[in-house]
């Protein structure tokens, strides 16, 4: 058994949950909060959300997929590790 038994889980969850979180926070605070060219802000009737808000909206759509992907990857890691331990 390795010295760091939780490292594969930490790497997988860091890539699937940590990096997207850092990306969303970084983009939300660095992108403009108003639309260029006098476009209306909001959703509906031809309006578009400002870039900073659009990043948060897209993150809300991606969050359930990333949550499920993280759980599936952790299960796969656990199954592979259990099979390796059970080999003679």
C-alpha atoms as a PDB file:
ATOM      1  CA  UNK A   1       0.000   0.000   0.000  1.00  0.00           C
ATOM      2  CA  UNK A   2       1.283   3.456  -0.849  1.00  0.00           C
ATOM      3  CA  UNK A   3       2.136   6.095   1.695  1.00  0.00           C
ATOM      4  CA  UNK A   4      -0.649   8.380   0.449  1.00  0.00           C
ATOM      5  CA  UNK A   5      -3.781   6.256   0.021  1.00  0.00           C
ATOM      6  CA  UNK A   6      -6.034   9.234  -0.715  1.00  0.00           C
ATOM      7  CA  UNK A   7      -3.822  10.887  -3.349  1.00  0.00           C
ATOM      8  CA  UNK A   8      -5.678   9.443  -6.394  1.00  0.00           C
ATOM      9  CA  UNK A   9      -8.975  10.676  -4.975  1.00  0.00           C
ATOM     10  CA  UNK A  10      -7.542  14.110  -4.227  1.00  0.00           C
ATOM     11  CA  UNK A  11      -6.096  14.423  -7.735  1.00  0.00           C
ATOM     12  CA  UNK A  12      -9.331  13.320  -9.401  1.00  0.00           C
ATOM     13  CA  UNK A  13     -11.519  15.608  -7.313  1.00  0.00           C
ATOM     14  CA  UNK A  14      -9.046  18.451  -7.656  1.00  0.00           C
ATOM     15  CA  UNK A  15      -9.235  18.206 -11.435  1.00  0.00           C
ATOM     16  CA  UNK A  16     -13.015  17.704 -11.602  1.00  0.00           C
ATOM     17  CA  UNK A  17     -14.115  20.035  -8.791  1.00  0.00           C
ATOM     18  CA  UNK A  18     -11.217  22.280  -7.780  1.00  0.00           C
ATOM     19  CA  UNK A  19     -10.032  23.503 -11.173  1.00  0.00           C
ATOM     20  CA  UNK A  20     -13.524  24.392 -12.439  1.00  0.00           C
ATOM     21  CA  UNK A  21     -14.233  26.229  -9.196  1.00  0.00           C
ATOM     22  CA  UNK A  22     -11.024  28.255  -9.495  1.00  0.00           C
ATOM     23  CA  UNK A  23     -11.759  28.942 -13.147  1.00  0.00           C
ATOM     24  CA  UNK A  24     -15.293  30.182 -12.439  1.00  0.00           C
ATOM     25  CA  UNK A  25     -14.188  32.405  -9.561  1.00  0.00           C
ATOM     26  CA  UNK A  26     -11.279  33.804 -11.551  1.00  0.00           C
ATOM     27  CA  UNK A  27     -13.370  34.501 -14.636  1.00  0.00           C
ATOM     28  CA  UNK A  28     -16.264  35.949 -12.646  1.00  0.00           C
ATOM     29  CA  UNK A  29     -14.019  38.538 -11.033  1.00  0.00           C
ATOM     30  CA  UNK A  30     -11.963  39.305 -14.150  1.00  0.00           C
ATOM     31  CA  UNK A  31     -14.654  39.551 -16.841  1.00  0.00           C
ATOM     32  CA  UNK A  32     -16.720  42.724 -17.346  1.00  0.00           C
ATOM     33  CA  UNK A  33     -19.978  43.083 -15.459  1.00  0.00           C
ATOM     34  CA  UNK A  34     -21.706  45.015 -18.240  1.00  0.00           C
ATOM     35  CA  UNK A  35     -22.449  44.105 -21.832  1.00  0.00           C
ATOM     36  CA  UNK A  36     -20.446  45.866 -24.547  1.00  0.00           C
ATOM     37  CA  UNK A  37     -22.161  48.087 -27.085  1.00  0.00           C
ATOM     38  CA  UNK A  38     -25.149  49.050 -24.945  1.00  0.00           C
ATOM     39  CA  UNK A  39     -26.837  45.641 -25.129  1.00  0.00           C
ATOM     40  CA  UNK A  40     -29.492  45.032 -22.530  1.00  0.00           C
ATOM     41  CA  UNK A  41     -28.611  42.829 -19.572  1.00  0.00           C
ATOM     42  CA  UNK A  42     -30.624  39.886 -18.364  1.00  0.00           C
ATOM     43  CA  UNK A  43     -32.148  36.756 -19.784  1.00  0.00           C
ATOM     44  CA  UNK A  44     -34.988  36.852 -22.257  1.00  0.00           C
ATOM     45  CA  UNK A  45     -36.387  39.142 -24.961  1.00  0.00           C
ATOM     46  CA  UNK A  46     -33.086  39.257 -26.858  1.00  0.00           C
ATOM     47  CA  UNK A  47     -31.021  40.284 -23.853  1.00  0.00           C
ATOM     48  CA  UNK A  48     -27.897  38.455 -22.760  1.00  0.00           C
ATOM     49  CA  UNK A  49     -26.306  38.244 -19.337  1.00  0.00           C
ATOM     50  CA  UNK A  50     -23.036  40.115 -18.828  1.00  0.00           C
ATOM     51  CA  UNK A  51     -19.917  37.955 -19.276  1.00  0.00           C
ATOM     52  CA  UNK A  52     -19.248  37.713 -15.530  1.00  0.00           C
ATOM     53  CA  UNK A  53     -22.790  36.502 -14.879  1.00  0.00           C
ATOM     54  CA  UNK A  54     -22.749  34.174 -17.893  1.00  0.00           C
ATOM     55  CA  UNK A  55     -19.798  32.306 -16.377  1.00  0.00           C
ATOM     56  CA  UNK A  56     -21.769  31.715 -13.179  1.00  0.00           C
ATOM     57  CA  UNK A  57     -24.809  30.597 -15.190  1.00  0.00           C
ATOM     58  CA  UNK A  58     -22.731  28.102 -17.170  1.00  0.00           C
ATOM     59  CA  UNK A  59     -21.149  26.854 -13.944  1.00  0.00           C
ATOM     60  CA  UNK A  60     -24.614  26.146 -12.558  1.00  0.00           C
ATOM     61  CA  UNK A  61     -25.320  23.941 -15.572  1.00  0.00           C
ATOM     62  CA  UNK A  62     -21.953  22.180 -15.314  1.00  0.00           C
ATOM     63  CA  UNK A  63     -22.049  21.580 -11.549  1.00  0.00           C
ATOM     64  CA  UNK A  64     -24.367  18.533 -11.550  1.00  0.00           C
ATOM     65  CA  UNK A  65     -22.381  16.895 -14.360  1.00  0.00           C
ATOM     66  CA  UNK A  66     -19.072  17.520 -12.579  1.00  0.00           C
ATOM     67  CA  UNK A  67     -20.517  16.248  -9.293  1.00  0.00           C
ATOM     68  CA  UNK A  68     -21.645  13.020 -10.919  1.00  0.00           C
ATOM     69  CA  UNK A  69     -18.348  12.636 -12.805  1.00  0.00           C
ATOM     70  CA  UNK A  70     -16.386  13.084  -9.571  1.00  0.00           C
ATOM     71  CA  UNK A  71     -18.422  10.435  -7.791  1.00  0.00           C
ATOM     72  CA  UNK A  72     -18.067   7.987 -10.698  1.00  0.00           C
ATOM     73  CA  UNK A  73     -14.299   8.519 -10.851  1.00  0.00           C
ATOM     74  CA  UNK A  74     -13.992   7.913  -7.095  1.00  0.00           C
ATOM     75  CA  UNK A  75     -15.967   4.686  -7.419  1.00  0.00           C
ATOM     76  CA  UNK A  76     -13.763   3.546 -10.315  1.00  0.00           C
ATOM     77  CA  UNK A  77     -10.629   4.324  -8.302  1.00  0.00           C
ATOM     78  CA  UNK A  78     -11.979   2.357  -5.334  1.00  0.00           C
ATOM     79  CA  UNK A  79     -12.862  -0.660  -7.503  1.00  0.00           C
ATOM     80  CA  UNK A  80      -9.465  -0.703  -9.215  1.00  0.00           C
ATOM     81  CA  UNK A  81      -7.633  -0.427  -5.901  1.00  0.00           C
ATOM     82  CA  UNK A  82      -9.739  -3.210  -4.373  1.00  0.00           C
ATOM     83  CA  UNK A  83      -8.999  -5.505  -7.318  1.00  0.00           C
ATOM     84  CA  UNK A  84      -5.276  -4.795  -7.088  1.00  0.00           C
ATOM     85  CA  UNK A  85      -5.286  -5.612  -3.368  1.00  0.00           C
ATOM     86  CA  UNK A  86      -7.163  -8.876  -3.884  1.00  0.00           C
ATOM     87  CA  UNK A  87      -4.635 -10.261  -6.375  1.00  0.00           C
ATOM     88  CA  UNK A  88      -2.322 -12.941  -4.948  1.00  0.00           C
END
